[in-house]
Amino acid sequence: MRKLVEALCSDECAGRAPGTPGGIAARRFVLQAFRDAGLSPVEQRIAVGANVLASLPGKTDRWVMVAAHYDHLGQDGAAIYRGADDNAAAVAIMIEVARALAKESLARGVVFAAFDAEEPPHFVQETMGSQEWIRRPTVPLDRLDLMICMDLVGHAFGPPGVPDDVRRTLFALGAERSAGTSAHVDGLCRAVPGVVVRRADAEIIPPLSDYDAFWRKEIPFLFLSCAHGRWYHTPQDTPDRLDWAKMEATAKWLERFVRETCARPEPRIAWAPGARDDASTLRTLIEIARSLSDVLPQAIEGGAAASALLAACGKDGKLPESRRAQLQMLAQLLEQGLA
């Protein structure tokens, strides 16, 4: 993983802006990494740049996707936005999962997608690589059971001095949008030492990455992220700031999760229309606040506020609309306080 991350963050890739010589160099590195992992990748041209796709067919014509964008912001004069956490780390984790699964015979097939053109302005202009894949899918959309998207998964959650149980946090958003996925994630939340997977409802943040195009099509998705770090979208987002041990644990966790998802016995993983799980977000906030109480006194107050909101949730896990702004404020304060 380190070798690939350092290549993607090199001067040659110059920030990996789509359609630039640096972006093209990054694509070559991703193509070669897939080949080295035992897969046969292909390019899918988009308005600017290209997606890199690789598939492992399964025993049935049902599919799971593992995705991470490989582009970044490019450079501004002499300043290179290297994008180690955003999103070279996720690409490296995806390749490790592909390597682990390449020789296995799975019930469902797996599509690995390194998307281009995720960064601004492509999200607003709807020229993202993931949006183009939806327009020209390489497997039928109605046969895609789950899309797993990674973004900002390379850093520890919180600065040094914060308890390891918090720093190892990996947030999983969107599990509530498909039948059985929440229970699956919860069952594996501490299955791999070095990472703690904590669920939250997808609506706790605005759609911020490639999963948005799949959400719009009501395709089940899971978004994995460690939230915005201190060096987000700055030239200081460099490989030396990554948490390599956490990345290794995340790769092992995701390998297991994908393997078990491919083996799920349902003929298809069903979309859950209208689903929302504010209670999962609040339980996560309460757990983190409890771990932080000895180092951040204000965490005690935040945990109490989250507990009061949890008590206001209905049996379906939803907060009244009048209280949802309070939940979003608590989540924002946590992210900002630990960036």
C-alpha atoms as a PDB file:
ATOM      1  CA  MET A   1       0.000   0.000   0.000  1.00  0.00           C
ATOM      2  CA  ARG A   2       2.812   2.385   0.869  1.00  0.00           C
ATOM      3  CA  LYS A   3       4.431   1.896  -2.541  1.00  0.00           C
ATOM      4  CA  LEU A   4       1.213   2.731  -4.405  1.00  0.00           C
ATOM      5  CA  VAL A   5       0.343   5.703  -2.183  1.00  0.00           C
ATOM      6  CA  GLU A   6       3.812   7.193  -2.634  1.00  0.00           C
ATOM      7  CA  ALA A   7       3.556   6.738  -6.409  1.00  0.00           C
ATOM      8  CA  LEU A   8       0.161   8.455  -6.549  1.00  0.00           C
ATOM      9  CA  CYS A   9       1.486  11.298  -4.375  1.00  0.00           C
ATOM     10  CA  SER A  10       4.693  11.738  -6.389  1.00  0.00           C
ATOM     11  CA  ASP A  11       5.826  14.788  -8.334  1.00  0.00           C
ATOM     12  CA  GLU A  12       5.109  12.814 -11.510  1.00  0.00           C
ATOM     13  CA  CYS A  13       1.400  12.624 -10.644  1.00  0.00           C
ATOM     14  CA  ALA A  14       1.406  16.322  -9.637  1.00  0.00           C
ATOM     15  CA  GLY A  15      -1.835  16.124  -7.671  1.00  0.00           C
ATOM     16  CA  ARG A  16      -3.692  13.810 -10.101  1.00  0.00           C
ATOM     17  CA  ALA A  17      -6.061  16.403 -11.589  1.00  0.00           C
ATOM     18  CA  PRO A  18      -8.300  14.713 -14.198  1.00  0.00           C
ATOM     19  CA  GLY A  19      -7.143  15.030 -17.791  1.00  0.00           C
ATOM     20  CA  THR A  20      -3.701  16.418 -16.901  1.00  0.00           C
ATOM     21  CA  PRO A  21      -0.372  14.635 -17.466  1.00  0.00           C
ATOM     22  CA  GLY A  22      -0.323  13.975 -13.712  1.00  0.00           C
ATOM     23  CA  GLY A  23      -3.791  12.461 -13.835  1.00  0.00           C
ATOM     24  CA  ILE A  24      -2.762  10.238 -16.749  1.00  0.00           C
ATOM     25  CA  ALA A  25       0.353   9.135 -14.854  1.00  0.00           C
ATOM     26  CA  ALA A  26      -1.791   8.263 -11.840  1.00  0.00           C
ATOM     27  CA  ARG A  27      -4.059   6.168 -14.056  1.00  0.00           C
ATOM     28  CA  ARG A  28      -1.045   4.201 -15.267  1.00  0.00           C
ATOM     29  CA  PHE A  29      -0.043   3.481 -11.670  1.00  0.00           C
ATOM     30  CA  VAL A  30      -3.568   2.285 -10.828  1.00  0.00           C
ATOM     31  CA  LEU A  31      -3.753   0.091 -13.932  1.00  0.00           C
ATOM     32  CA  GLN A  32      -0.425  -1.524 -13.085  1.00  0.00           C
ATOM     33  CA  ALA A  33      -1.413  -2.019  -9.449  1.00  0.00           C
ATOM     34  CA  PHE A  34      -4.508  -3.953 -10.521  1.00  0.00           C
ATOM     35  CA  ARG A  35      -2.402  -6.081 -12.873  1.00  0.00           C
ATOM     36  CA  ASP A  36       0.099  -6.773 -10.101  1.00  0.00           C
ATOM     37  CA  ALA A  37      -2.827  -7.872  -7.932  1.00  0.00           C
ATOM     38  CA  GLY A  38      -3.829 -10.464 -10.525  1.00  0.00           C
ATOM     39  CA  LEU A  39      -6.694  -8.660 -12.269  1.00  0.00           C
ATOM     40  CA  SER A  40      -7.192  -7.402 -15.836  1.00  0.00           C
ATOM     41  CA  PRO A  41      -8.233  -3.744 -15.599  1.00  0.00           C
ATOM     42  CA  VAL A  42      -9.826  -1.673 -18.350  1.00  0.00           C
ATOM     43  CA  GLU A  43     -10.274   2.055 -18.849  1.00  0.00           C
ATOM     44  CA  GLN A  44     -13.680   3.687 -19.202  1.00  0.00           C
ATOM     45  CA  ARG A  45     -13.354   7.084 -20.822  1.00  0.00           C
ATOM     46  CA  ILE A  46     -15.356   9.922 -19.310  1.00  0.00           C
ATOM     47  CA  ALA A  47     -15.759  13.608 -20.161  1.00  0.00           C
ATOM     48  CA  VAL A  48     -12.396  14.355 -18.588  1.00  0.00           C
ATOM     49  CA  GLY A  49     -10.037  11.505 -17.715  1.00  0.00           C
ATOM     50  CA  ALA A  50     -11.031   7.862 -17.309  1.00  0.00           C
ATOM     51  CA  ASN A  51     -12.265   5.370 -14.740  1.00  0.00           C
ATOM     52  CA  VAL A  52     -10.180   2.259 -14.116  1.00  0.00           C
ATOM     53  CA  LEU A  53     -12.308  -0.870 -13.688  1.00  0.00           C
ATOM     54  CA  ALA A  54     -11.531  -4.492 -12.871  1.00  0.00           C
ATOM     55  CA  SER A  55     -13.933  -7.377 -12.321  1.00  0.00           C
ATOM     56  CA  LEU A  56     -13.939 -10.737 -10.583  1.00  0.00           C
ATOM     57  CA  PRO A  57     -16.933 -12.719 -11.926  1.00  0.00           C
ATOM     58  CA  GLY A  58     -18.826 -14.809  -9.407  1.00  0.00           C
ATOM     59  CA  LYS A  59     -20.898 -17.955  -9.609  1.00  0.00           C
ATOM     60  CA  THR A  60     -24.059 -15.871 -10.108  1.00  0.00           C
ATOM     61  CA  ASP A  61     -24.814 -12.738 -12.107  1.00  0.00           C
ATOM     62  CA  ARG A  62     -25.086 -10.600  -8.977  1.00  0.00           C
ATOM     63  CA  TRP A  63     -22.420  -8.070  -8.081  1.00  0.00           C
ATOM     64  CA  VAL A  64     -20.807  -6.076  -5.299  1.00  0.00           C
ATOM     65  CA  MET A  65     -18.766  -2.949  -6.090  1.00  0.00           C
ATOM     66  CA  VAL A  66     -15.751  -1.652  -4.168  1.00  0.00           C
ATOM     67  CA  ALA A  67     -14.907   1.904  -5.210  1.00  0.00           C
ATOM     68  CA  ALA A  68     -12.534   4.777  -4.481  1.00  0.00           C
ATOM     69  CA  HIS A  69     -11.711   7.832  -6.563  1.00  0.00           C
ATOM     70  CA  TYR A  70      -8.060   8.274  -7.559  1.00  0.00           C
ATOM     71  CA  ASP A  71      -8.068  11.901  -8.736  1.00  0.00           C
ATOM     72  CA  HIS A  72      -7.209  14.922  -6.612  1.00  0.00           C
ATOM     73  CA  LEU A  73      -6.870  18.711  -6.906  1.00  0.00           C
ATOM     74  CA  GLY A  74      -3.686  18.997  -8.959  1.00  0.00           C
ATOM     75  CA  GLN A  75      -1.332  21.832  -8.156  1.00  0.00           C
ATOM     76  CA  ASP A  76      -1.371  25.584  -7.626  1.00  0.00           C
ATOM     77  CA  GLY A  77       1.905  27.064  -8.773  1.00  0.00           C
ATOM     78  CA  ALA A  78       4.652  25.212  -6.939  1.00  0.00           C
ATOM     79  CA  ALA A  79       2.237  23.762  -4.360  1.00  0.00           C
ATOM     80  CA  ILE A  80       1.197  20.184  -5.130  1.00  0.00           C
ATOM     81  CA  TYR A  81      -1.988  18.848  -3.566  1.00  0.00           C
ATOM     82  CA  ARG A  82      -0.765  15.296  -3.122  1.00  0.00           C
ATOM     83  CA  GLY A  83      -3.989  13.847  -1.723  1.00  0.00           C
ATOM     84  CA  ALA A  84      -2.561  10.999   0.350  1.00  0.00           C
ATOM     85  CA  ASP A  85      -5.685  10.674   2.498  1.00  0.00           C
ATOM     86  CA  ASP A  86      -7.893  12.057  -0.275  1.00  0.00           C
ATOM     87  CA  ASN A  87      -7.861   9.531  -1.794  1.00  0.00           C
ATOM     88  CA  ALA A  88      -4.673   7.592  -2.499  1.00  0.00           C
ATOM     89  CA  ALA A  89      -5.027   5.639   0.761  1.00  0.00           C
ATOM     90  CA  ALA A  90      -8.468   4.339  -0.241  1.00  0.00           C
ATOM     91  CA  VAL A  91      -7.204   3.293  -3.673  1.00  0.00           C
ATOM     92  CA  ALA A  92      -4.380   1.344  -2.040  1.00  0.00           C
ATOM     93  CA  ILE A  93      -6.819  -0.364   0.350  1.00  0.00           C
ATOM     94  CA  MET A  94      -9.081  -1.277  -2.588  1.00  0.00           C
ATOM     95  CA  ILE A  95      -6.151  -2.839  -4.458  1.00  0.00           C
ATOM     96  CA  GLU A  96      -5.241  -4.894  -1.376  1.00  0.00           C
ATOM     97  CA  VAL A  97      -8.799  -6.220  -1.187  1.00  0.00           C
ATOM     98  CA  ALA A  98      -8.665  -7.060  -4.899  1.00  0.00           C
ATOM     99  CA  ARG A  99      -5.366  -8.888  -4.384  1.00  0.00           C
ATOM    100  CA  ALA A 100      -6.821 -10.935  -1.523  1.00  0.00           C
ATOM    101  CA  LEU A 101      -9.939 -11.932  -3.468  1.00  0.00           C
ATOM    102  CA  ALA A 102      -8.401 -12.370  -6.938  1.00  0.00           C
ATOM    103  CA  LYS A 103      -8.007 -16.151  -6.714  1.00  0.00           C
ATOM    104  CA  GLU A 104     -11.203 -16.912  -4.822  1.00  0.00           C
ATOM    105  CA  SER A 105     -14.437 -18.316  -6.177  1.00  0.00           C
ATOM    106  CA  LEU A 106     -17.217 -16.109  -4.817  1.00  0.00           C
ATOM    107  CA  ALA A 107     -20.982 -16.450  -5.156  1.00  0.00           C
ATOM    108  CA  ARG A 108     -21.392 -12.836  -6.215  1.00  0.00           C
ATOM    109  CA  GLY A 109     -18.927 -11.112  -8.508  1.00  0.00           C
ATOM    110  CA  VAL A 110     -16.966  -8.036  -7.486  1.00  0.00           C
ATOM    111  CA  VAL A 111     -16.417  -4.873  -9.542  1.00  0.00           C
ATOM    112  CA  PHE A 112     -13.478  -2.750  -8.423  1.00  0.00           C
ATOM    113  CA  ALA A 113     -13.828   0.862  -9.566  1.00  0.00           C
ATOM    114  CA  ALA A 114     -11.137   3.523  -9.336  1.00  0.00           C
ATOM    115  CA  PHE A 115     -13.218   6.537 -10.313  1.00  0.00           C
ATOM    116  CA  ASP A 116     -11.815   9.697 -11.859  1.00  0.00           C
ATOM    117  CA  ALA A 117     -13.147  13.260 -11.597  1.00  0.00           C
ATOM    118  CA  GLU A 118     -14.637  13.117  -8.112  1.00  0.00           C
ATOM    119  CA  GLU A 119     -13.156  16.392  -6.892  1.00  0.00           C
ATOM    120  CA  PRO A 120     -14.638  19.854  -7.592  1.00  0.00           C
ATOM    121  CA  PRO A 121     -15.979  21.075  -9.961  1.00  0.00           C
ATOM    122  CA  HIS A 122     -17.091  17.702 -11.316  1.00  0.00           C
ATOM    123  CA  PHE A 123     -19.538  16.935  -8.495  1.00  0.00           C
ATOM    124  CA  VAL A 124     -21.573  20.061  -9.274  1.00  0.00           C
ATOM    125  CA  GLN A 125     -21.250  19.693 -13.046  1.00  0.00           C
ATOM    126  CA  GLU A 126     -22.253  16.010 -12.887  1.00  0.00           C
ATOM    127  CA  THR A 127     -19.169  14.975 -14.842  1.00  0.00           C
ATOM    128  CA  MET A 128     -17.915  12.637 -12.097  1.00  0.00           C
ATOM    129  CA  GLY A 129     -16.556   9.277 -13.098  1.00  0.00           C
ATOM    130  CA  SER A 130     -19.118   7.520 -10.908  1.00  0.00           C
ATOM    131  CA  GLN A 131     -21.980   9.381 -12.575  1.00  0.00           C
ATOM    132  CA  GLU A 132     -20.656   8.336 -15.973  1.00  0.00           C
ATOM    133  CA  TRP A 133     -20.455   4.715 -14.789  1.00  0.00           C
ATOM    134  CA  ILE A 134     -24.140   4.896 -13.842  1.00  0.00           C
ATOM    135  CA  ARG A 135     -24.916   6.170 -17.332  1.00  0.00           C
ATOM    136  CA  ARG A 136     -22.807   3.410 -18.933  1.00  0.00           C
ATOM    137  CA  PRO A 137     -22.645   0.599 -16.370  1.00  0.00           C
ATOM    138  CA  THR A 138     -20.370  -2.370 -16.947  1.00  0.00           C
ATOM    139  CA  VAL A 139     -22.791  -4.651 -15.091  1.00  0.00           C
ATOM    140  CA  PRO A 140     -26.594  -4.227 -15.084  1.00  0.00           C
ATOM    141  CA  LEU A 141     -27.681  -1.777 -12.399  1.00  0.00           C
ATOM    142  CA  ASP A 142     -30.460  -4.104 -11.268  1.00  0.00           C
ATOM    143  CA  ARG A 143     -27.851  -6.786 -10.553  1.00  0.00           C
ATOM    144  CA  LEU A 144     -25.647  -4.614  -8.357  1.00  0.00           C
ATOM    145  CA  ASP A 145     -26.426  -5.607  -4.767  1.00  0.00           C
ATOM    146  CA  LEU A 146     -24.133  -3.226  -2.877  1.00  0.00           C
ATOM    147  CA  MET A 147     -21.794  -0.351  -3.727  1.00  0.00           C
ATOM    148  CA  ILE A 148     -19.032   0.193  -1.142  1.00  0.00           C
ATOM    149  CA  CYS A 149     -17.353   3.596  -1.418  1.00  0.00           C
ATOM    150  CA  MET A 150     -14.221   4.705   0.434  1.00  0.00           C
ATOM    151  CA  ASP A 151     -13.051   8.289   0.877  1.00  0.00           C
ATOM    152  CA  LEU A 152     -10.723   9.783   3.524  1.00  0.00           C
ATOM    153  CA  VAL A 153      -9.927   6.436   5.153  1.00  0.00           C
ATOM    154  CA  GLY A 154      -6.178   6.870   5.698  1.00  0.00           C
ATOM    155  CA  HIS A 155      -5.955   8.964   8.852  1.00  0.00           C
ATOM    156  CA  ALA A 156      -6.491   8.429  12.553  1.00  0.00           C
ATOM    157  CA  PHE A 157      -9.692   9.999  13.858  1.00  0.00           C
ATOM    158  CA  GLY A 158      -8.455  12.598  16.274  1.00  0.00           C
ATOM    159  CA  PRO A 159      -5.027  13.975  17.228  1.00  0.00           C
ATOM    160  CA  PRO A 160      -2.332  12.202  19.273  1.00  0.00           C
ATOM    161  CA  GLY A 161      -3.432  11.892  22.878  1.00  0.00           C
ATOM    162  CA  VAL A 162      -6.967  10.856  21.979  1.00  0.00           C
ATOM    163  CA  PRO A 163      -7.728   7.266  23.097  1.00  0.00           C
ATOM    164  CA  ASP A 164      -6.862   4.591  20.538  1.00  0.00           C
ATOM    165  CA  ASP A 165     -10.445   3.343  20.595  1.00  0.00           C
ATOM    166  CA  VAL A 166     -11.444   6.687  19.071  1.00  0.00           C
ATOM    167  CA  ARG A 167      -8.476   7.113  16.715  1.00  0.00           C
ATOM    168  CA  ARG A 168      -9.201   3.697  15.176  1.00  0.00           C
ATOM    169  CA  THR A 169     -12.750   4.752  14.229  1.00  0.00           C
ATOM    170  CA  LEU A 170     -13.981   4.077  10.709  1.00  0.00           C
ATOM    171  CA  PHE A 171     -17.467   5.441  10.067  1.00  0.00           C
ATOM    172  CA  ALA A 172     -19.909   3.373   7.985  1.00  0.00           C
ATOM    173  CA  LEU A 173     -22.807   5.375   6.541  1.00  0.00           C
ATOM    174  CA  GLY A 174     -25.768   4.084   4.563  1.00  0.00           C
ATOM    175  CA  ALA A 175     -26.101   0.531   5.896  1.00  0.00           C
ATOM    176  CA  GLU A 176     -29.661   1.365   6.915  1.00  0.00           C
ATOM    177  CA  ARG A 177     -30.572   1.825   3.240  1.00  0.00           C
ATOM    178  CA  SER A 178     -30.530  -1.918   2.502  1.00  0.00           C
ATOM    179  CA  ALA A 179     -32.028  -4.955   4.189  1.00  0.00           C
ATOM    180  CA  GLY A 180     -29.646  -6.842   6.451  1.00  0.00           C
ATOM    181  CA  THR A 181     -26.611  -4.605   5.966  1.00  0.00           C
ATOM    182  CA  SER A 182     -26.850  -2.794   9.308  1.00  0.00           C
ATOM    183  CA  ALA A 183     -26.790  -6.064  11.224  1.00  0.00           C
ATOM    184  CA  HIS A 184     -23.887  -7.281   9.095  1.00  0.00           C
ATOM    185  CA  VAL A 185     -21.793  -4.167   9.832  1.00  0.00           C
ATOM    186  CA  ASP A 186     -22.666  -4.262  13.531  1.00  0.00           C
ATOM    187  CA  GLY A 187     -21.645  -7.903  13.741  1.00  0.00           C
ATOM    188  CA  LEU A 188     -18.184  -7.065  12.401  1.00  0.00           C
ATOM    189  CA  CYS A 189     -17.673  -3.718  14.145  1.00  0.00           C
ATOM    190  CA  ARG A 190     -14.659  -4.994  16.137  1.00  0.00           C
ATOM    191  CA  ALA A 191     -13.852  -8.110  14.148  1.00  0.00           C
ATOM    192  CA  VAL A 192     -10.384  -6.888  13.102  1.00  0.00           C
ATOM    193  CA  PRO A 193      -7.933  -5.467  15.663  1.00  0.00           C
ATOM    194  CA  GLY A 194      -6.800  -1.974  14.760  1.00  0.00           C
ATOM    195  CA  VAL A 195     -10.079  -0.608  13.408  1.00  0.00           C
ATOM    196  CA  VAL A 196     -13.473   0.073  15.021  1.00  0.00           C
ATOM    197  CA  VAL A 197     -16.325   0.352  12.512  1.00  0.00           C
ATOM    198  CA  ARG A 198     -19.102   2.618  13.769  1.00  0.00           C
ATOM    199  CA  ARG A 199     -22.404   3.086  11.962  1.00  0.00           C
ATOM    200  CA  ALA A 200     -24.146   6.370  11.245  1.00  0.00           C
ATOM    201  CA  ASP A 201     -27.099   7.345   9.101  1.00  0.00           C
ATOM    202  CA  ALA A 202     -26.213   8.502   5.596  1.00  0.00           C
ATOM    203  CA  GLU A 203     -28.068  11.793   6.033  1.00  0.00           C
ATOM    204  CA  ILE A 204     -25.805  12.965   8.858  1.00  0.00           C
ATOM    205  CA  ILE A 205     -23.695  14.676   6.143  1.00  0.00           C
ATOM    206  CA  PRO A 206     -24.489  15.936   2.643  1.00  0.00           C
ATOM    207  CA  PRO A 207     -23.570  13.429  -0.082  1.00  0.00           C
ATOM    208  CA  LEU A 208     -19.831  13.998  -0.467  1.00  0.00           C
ATOM    209  CA  SER A 209     -18.446  11.242  -2.666  1.00  0.00           C
ATOM    210  CA  ASP A 210     -19.104   8.723  -5.416  1.00  0.00           C
ATOM    211  CA  TYR A 211     -21.853   6.875  -3.563  1.00  0.00           C
ATOM    212  CA  ASP A 212     -24.229   9.767  -4.328  1.00  0.00           C
ATOM    213  CA  ALA A 213     -24.896   8.621  -7.902  1.00  0.00           C
ATOM    214  CA  PHE A 214     -25.842   5.153  -6.641  1.00  0.00           C
ATOM    215  CA  TRP A 215     -28.025   6.535  -3.850  1.00  0.00           C
ATOM    216  CA  ARG A 216     -30.006   8.498  -6.430  1.00  0.00           C
ATOM    217  CA  LYS A 217     -30.677   5.243  -8.297  1.00  0.00           C
ATOM    218  CA  GLU A 218     -31.700   3.481  -5.060  1.00  0.00           C
ATOM    219  CA  ILE A 219     -28.803   1.050  -5.283  1.00  0.00           C
ATOM    220  CA  PRO A 220     -27.717  -0.173  -1.838  1.00  0.00           C
ATOM    221  CA  PHE A 221     -24.496   1.498  -0.724  1.00  0.00           C
ATOM    222  CA  LEU A 222     -22.089   1.744   2.188  1.00  0.00           C
ATOM    223  CA  PHE A 223     -19.821   4.762   2.608  1.00  0.00           C
ATOM    224  CA  LEU A 224     -16.638   4.242   4.631  1.00  0.00           C
ATOM    225  CA  SER A 225     -14.787   7.311   5.903  1.00  0.00           C
ATOM    226  CA  CYS A 226     -12.792   8.652   8.844  1.00  0.00           C
ATOM    227  CA  ALA A 227     -14.390  12.108   8.341  1.00  0.00           C
ATOM    228  CA  HIS A 228     -12.505  15.247   7.348  1.00  0.00           C
ATOM    229  CA  GLY A 229      -8.992  15.382   8.750  1.00  0.00           C
ATOM    230  CA  ARG A 230      -6.896  18.408   9.631  1.00  0.00           C
ATOM    231  CA  TRP A 231      -5.046  18.377   6.284  1.00  0.00           C
ATOM    232  CA  TYR A 232      -8.097  17.919   4.033  1.00  0.00           C
ATOM    233  CA  HIS A 233      -7.655  19.703   0.678  1.00  0.00           C
ATOM    234  CA  THR A 234      -4.289  21.195   1.621  1.00  0.00           C
ATOM    235  CA  PRO A 235      -0.776  20.541   0.250  1.00  0.00           C
ATOM    236  CA  GLN A 236       0.001  19.024   3.664  1.00  0.00           C
ATOM    237  CA  ASP A 237      -2.089  15.916   2.909  1.00  0.00           C
ATOM    238  CA  THR A 238       1.034  13.779   2.461  1.00  0.00           C
ATOM    239  CA  PRO A 239       1.868  10.071   2.951  1.00  0.00           C
ATOM    240  CA  ASP A 240       3.816  10.647   6.157  1.00  0.00           C
ATOM    241  CA  ARG A 241       0.593  11.747   7.892  1.00  0.00           C
ATOM    242  CA  LEU A 242      -1.270   8.489   7.194  1.00  0.00           C
ATOM    243  CA  ASP A 243      -2.018   5.834   9.804  1.00  0.00           C
ATOM    244  CA  TRP A 244      -0.580   2.789   8.031  1.00  0.00           C
ATOM    245  CA  ALA A 245      -1.546   0.300  10.731  1.00  0.00           C
ATOM    246  CA  LYS A 246      -5.157   1.472  10.595  1.00  0.00           C
ATOM    247  CA  MET A 247      -5.105   1.219   6.796  1.00  0.00           C
ATOM    248  CA  GLU A 248      -3.865  -2.368   7.023  1.00  0.00           C
ATOM    249  CA  ALA A 249      -6.637  -3.204   9.488  1.00  0.00           C
ATOM    250  CA  THR A 250      -9.210  -1.487   7.255  1.00  0.00           C
ATOM    251  CA  ALA A 251      -8.098  -3.554   4.265  1.00  0.00           C
ATOM    252  CA  LYS A 252      -8.466  -6.761   6.282  1.00  0.00           C
ATOM    253  CA  TRP A 253     -11.886  -5.679   7.575  1.00  0.00           C
ATOM    254  CA  LEU A 254     -13.119  -4.766   4.104  1.00  0.00           C
ATOM    255  CA  GLU A 255     -11.828  -8.019   2.611  1.00  0.00           C
ATOM    256  CA  ARG A 256     -13.887  -9.946   5.153  1.00  0.00           C
ATOM    257  CA  PHE A 257     -16.940  -7.743   4.710  1.00  0.00           C
ATOM    258  CA  VAL A 258     -16.874  -8.101   0.910  1.00  0.00           C
ATOM    259  CA  ARG A 259     -16.362 -11.863   1.079  1.00  0.00           C
ATOM    260  CA  GLU A 260     -19.300 -12.238   3.478  1.00  0.00           C
ATOM    261  CA  THR A 261     -21.485  -9.882   1.416  1.00  0.00           C
ATOM    262  CA  CYS A 262     -20.791 -11.962  -1.682  1.00  0.00           C
ATOM    263  CA  ALA A 263     -21.887 -15.043   0.270  1.00  0.00           C
ATOM    264  CA  ARG A 264     -25.145 -13.573   1.618  1.00  0.00           C
ATOM    265  CA  PRO A 265     -27.942 -16.083   0.915  1.00  0.00           C
ATOM    266  CA  GLU A 266     -30.587 -13.619  -0.327  1.00  0.00           C
ATOM    267  CA  PRO A 267     -31.168 -13.716  -4.101  1.00  0.00           C
ATOM    268  CA  ARG A 268     -30.693  -9.948  -3.995  1.00  0.00           C
ATOM    269  CA  ILE A 269     -29.902  -7.323  -1.343  1.00  0.00           C
ATOM    270  CA  ALA A 270     -33.006  -5.177  -1.255  1.00  0.00           C
ATOM    271  CA  TRP A 271     -33.139  -1.374  -1.112  1.00  0.00           C
ATOM    272  CA  ALA A 272     -34.933  -0.084   1.992  1.00  0.00           C
ATOM    273  CA  PRO A 273     -37.085   2.857   0.833  1.00  0.00           C
ATOM    274  CA  GLY A 274     -37.550   5.656   3.339  1.00  0.00           C
ATOM    275  CA  ALA A 275     -35.126   4.107   5.807  1.00  0.00           C
ATOM    276  CA  ARG A 276     -33.309   6.304   8.292  1.00  0.00           C
ATOM    277  CA  ASP A 277     -31.415   5.364  11.437  1.00  0.00           C
ATOM    278  CA  ASP A 278     -30.682   8.406  13.572  1.00  0.00           C
ATOM    279  CA  ALA A 279     -30.394   6.095  16.561  1.00  0.00           C
ATOM    280  CA  SER A 280     -27.255   4.464  15.116  1.00  0.00           C
ATOM    281  CA  THR A 281     -25.627   7.882  14.729  1.00  0.00           C
ATOM    282  CA  LEU A 282     -26.487   8.813  18.308  1.00  0.00           C
ATOM    283  CA  ARG A 283     -25.172   5.540  19.716  1.00  0.00           C
ATOM    284  CA  THR A 284     -21.914   6.164  17.885  1.00  0.00           C
ATOM    285  CA  LEU A 285     -21.688   9.698  19.285  1.00  0.00           C
ATOM    286  CA  ILE A 286     -22.386   8.418  22.792  1.00  0.00           C
ATOM    287  CA  GLU A 287     -19.697   5.714  22.522  1.00  0.00           C
ATOM    288  CA  ILE A 288     -17.091   8.201  21.296  1.00  0.00           C
ATOM    289  CA  ALA A 289     -18.062  10.791  23.937  1.00  0.00           C
ATOM    290  CA  ARG A 290     -17.672   8.157  26.645  1.00  0.00           C
ATOM    291  CA  SER A 291     -14.159   7.313  25.402  1.00  0.00           C
ATOM    292  CA  LEU A 292     -13.243  11.013  25.279  1.00  0.00           C
ATOM    293  CA  SER A 293     -14.603  11.988  28.677  1.00  0.00           C
ATOM    294  CA  ASP A 294     -11.214  11.759  30.435  1.00  0.00           C
ATOM    295  CA  VAL A 295      -9.361  13.940  27.887  1.00  0.00           C
ATOM    296  CA  LEU A 296     -12.087  16.322  26.682  1.00  0.00           C
ATOM    297  CA  PRO A 297     -14.391  17.535  29.475  1.00  0.00           C
ATOM    298  CA  GLN A 298     -16.877  18.929  26.949  1.00  0.00           C
ATOM    299  CA  ALA A 299     -17.420  15.364  25.686  1.00  0.00           C
ATOM    300  CA  ILE A 300     -19.468  14.652  28.820  1.00  0.00           C
ATOM    301  CA  GLU A 301     -21.914  17.395  27.877  1.00  0.00           C
ATOM    302  CA  GLY A 302     -22.017  16.180  24.278  1.00  0.00           C
ATOM    303  CA  GLY A 303     -22.700  12.613  25.383  1.00  0.00           C
ATOM    304  CA  ALA A 304     -25.566  13.798  27.591  1.00  0.00           C
ATOM    305  CA  ALA A 305     -27.088  15.749  24.693  1.00  0.00           C
ATOM    306  CA  ALA A 306     -26.802  12.696  22.434  1.00  0.00           C
ATOM    307  CA  SER A 307     -28.447  10.500  25.071  1.00  0.00           C
ATOM    308  CA  ALA A 308     -31.370  12.914  25.327  1.00  0.00           C
ATOM    309  CA  LEU A 309     -31.801  12.813  21.554  1.00  0.00           C
ATOM    310  CA  LEU A 310     -31.608   9.014  21.517  1.00  0.00           C
ATOM    311  CA  ALA A 311     -34.474   8.912  23.995  1.00  0.00           C
ATOM    312  CA  ALA A 312     -36.505  11.033  21.560  1.00  0.00           C
ATOM    313  CA  CYS A 313     -36.092   8.554  18.685  1.00  0.00           C
ATOM    314  CA  GLY A 314     -39.074   6.507  17.654  1.00  0.00           C
ATOM    315  CA  LYS A 315     -39.121   2.719  17.462  1.00  0.00           C
ATOM    316  CA  ASP A 316     -38.039   3.044  13.830  1.00  0.00           C
ATOM    317  CA  GLY A 317     -34.848   4.814  14.916  1.00  0.00           C
ATOM    318  CA  LYS A 318     -35.891   8.186  13.492  1.00  0.00           C
ATOM    319  CA  LEU A 319     -35.721  11.500  15.303  1.00  0.00           C
ATOM    320  CA  PRO A 320     -38.568  13.971  14.948  1.00  0.00           C
ATOM    321  CA  GLU A 321     -37.683  16.424  12.192  1.00  0.00           C
ATOM    322  CA  SER A 322     -37.665  19.251  14.735  1.00  0.00           C
ATOM    323  CA  ARG A 323     -34.721  17.611  16.543  1.00  0.00           C
ATOM    324  CA  ARG A 324     -32.553  16.597  13.587  1.00  0.00           C
ATOM    325  CA  ALA A 325     -30.717  19.923  13.451  1.00  0.00           C
ATOM    326  CA  GLN A 326     -29.426  19.230  16.962  1.00  0.00           C
ATOM    327  CA  LEU A 327     -28.061  15.861  15.836  1.00  0.00           C
ATOM    328  CA  GLN A 328     -26.265  17.385  12.877  1.00  0.00           C
ATOM    329  CA  MET A 329     -24.775  20.080  15.100  1.00  0.00           C
ATOM    330  CA  LEU A 330     -23.435  17.452  17.528  1.00  0.00           C
ATOM    331  CA  ALA A 331     -21.858  15.509  14.666  1.00  0.00           C
ATOM    332  CA  GLN A 332     -20.249  18.652  13.245  1.00  0.00           C
ATOM    333  CA  LEU A 333     -18.852  19.631  16.633  1.00  0.00           C
ATOM    334  CA  LEU A 334     -17.323  16.171  17.024  1.00  0.00           C
ATOM    335  CA  GLU A 335     -15.717  16.255  13.578  1.00  0.00           C
ATOM    336  CA  GLN A 336     -14.362  19.781  14.064  1.00  0.00           C
ATOM    337  CA  GLY A 337     -13.135  19.047  17.575  1.00  0.00           C
ATOM    338  CA  LEU A 338     -11.119  16.009  16.470  1.00  0.00           C
ATOM    339  CA  ALA A 339      -9.825  17.265  13.103  1.00  0.00           C
END
